[in-house]
């Protein structure tokens, strides 16, 4: 579970080490004039989010193919893979 910190954008300039430390615990929402302006995340969290996004996009493509009558059932797909791999 993430612990989201909220900090003014000026903290990036004036207190960067603290902001960087906060990123290890979760996203940091930066505010400008009291309103949310940006969100910072650590590289590791960014990588995890991008991997999830890629998975969701692959699932959506698969569902679109299935709805269009494309693709193979599991038995046919496995047979095709075995034939391709010669096993």
Protein backbone atom coordinates (compact mmCIF):
# COMPACT_ATOMS: atom_id res chain seq x y z
CA UNK A 1 0.00 0.00 0.00
CA UNK A 2 1.23 3.45 -0.87
CA UNK A 3 1.59 6.35 1.48
CA UNK A 4 0.99 9.43 -0.66
CA UNK A 5 2.70 12.61 0.46
CA UNK A 6 1.44 16.06 -0.54
CA UNK A 7 4.03 18.81 -0.83
CA UNK A 8 4.24 22.24 -2.45
CA UNK A 9 6.17 22.27 -5.72
CA UNK A 10 8.71 24.66 -4.16
CA UNK A 11 9.88 21.75 -1.98
CA UNK A 12 11.57 20.33 -5.08
CA UNK A 13 13.90 23.32 -5.04
CA UNK A 14 14.15 23.97 -1.32
CA UNK A 15 13.97 20.45 0.18
CA UNK A 16 14.83 18.02 -2.60
CA UNK A 17 16.54 15.41 -0.38
CA UNK A 18 13.38 15.16 1.75
CA UNK A 19 11.15 14.83 -1.32
CA UNK A 20 13.45 12.16 -2.72
CA UNK A 21 13.28 10.30 0.58
CA UNK A 22 9.47 10.50 0.57
CA UNK A 23 9.43 8.77 -2.84
CA UNK A 24 10.66 5.56 -1.20
CA UNK A 25 7.33 5.35 0.64
CA UNK A 26 5.03 6.15 -2.27
CA UNK A 27 4.01 8.85 -4.72
CA UNK A 28 4.46 12.53 -3.92
CA UNK A 29 1.74 14.90 -5.09
CA UNK A 30 3.12 18.35 -5.83
CA UNK A 31 0.80 21.30 -5.41
CA UNK A 32 0.93 24.73 -6.98
CA UNK A 33 -1.18 27.47 -5.44
CA UNK A 34 -2.88 24.82 -3.29
CA UNK A 35 -3.97 22.61 -6.20
CA UNK A 36 -2.51 19.33 -7.39
CA UNK A 37 -0.09 19.99 -10.23
CA UNK A 38 2.08 16.87 -10.63
CA UNK A 39 2.84 13.47 -9.18
CA UNK A 40 6.35 12.12 -8.65
CA UNK A 41 7.05 8.41 -8.29
CA UNK A 42 10.23 6.41 -7.75
CA UNK A 43 11.78 4.57 -10.69
CA UNK A 44 10.88 1.20 -9.16
CA UNK A 45 7.23 2.19 -8.77
CA UNK A 46 7.20 3.65 -12.27
CA UNK A 47 8.56 0.38 -13.68
CA UNK A 48 5.88 -1.61 -11.84
CA UNK A 49 3.13 0.70 -13.07
CA UNK A 50 4.37 0.50 -16.67
CA UNK A 51 4.55 -3.31 -16.49
CA UNK A 52 0.95 -3.42 -15.23
CA UNK A 53 -0.13 -1.03 -17.97
CA UNK A 54 1.51 -3.19 -20.64
CA UNK A 55 -0.25 -6.26 -19.22
CA UNK A 56 -3.63 -4.48 -19.23
CA UNK A 57 -3.08 -3.38 -22.83
CA UNK A 58 -2.20 -6.95 -23.87
CA UNK A 59 -5.35 -8.24 -22.17
CA UNK A 60 -7.44 -5.58 -23.92
CA UNK A 61 -5.93 -6.56 -27.32
CA UNK A 62 -6.66 -10.22 -26.57
CA UNK A 63 -10.25 -9.46 -25.65
CA UNK A 64 -10.67 -7.47 -28.86
CA UNK A 65 -9.29 -10.38 -30.90
CA UNK A 66 -11.60 -12.84 -29.13
CA UNK A 67 -14.61 -10.57 -29.74
CA UNK A 68 -13.65 -10.40 -33.43
CA UNK A 69 -13.48 -14.20 -33.62
CA UNK A 70 -9.72 -14.21 -33.95
CA UNK A 71 -7.25 -16.14 -31.83
CA UNK A 72 -7.16 -19.75 -30.76
CA UNK A 73 -8.56 -21.75 -27.90
CA UNK A 74 -6.01 -23.04 -25.38
CA UNK A 75 -5.78 -26.54 -26.88
CA UNK A 76 -5.18 -25.23 -30.41
CA UNK A 77 -2.67 -22.63 -29.19
CA UNK A 78 -0.70 -25.28 -27.30
CA UNK A 79 -0.67 -27.56 -30.34
CA UNK A 80 0.56 -24.71 -32.52
CA UNK A 81 3.35 -23.88 -30.03
CA UNK A 82 4.43 -27.53 -29.86
CA UNK A 83 4.54 -27.74 -33.65
CA UNK A 84 6.55 -24.52 -33.87
CA UNK A 85 9.00 -25.69 -31.19
CA UNK A 86 9.11 -29.26 -32.54
CA UNK A 87 8.28 -30.84 -29.18
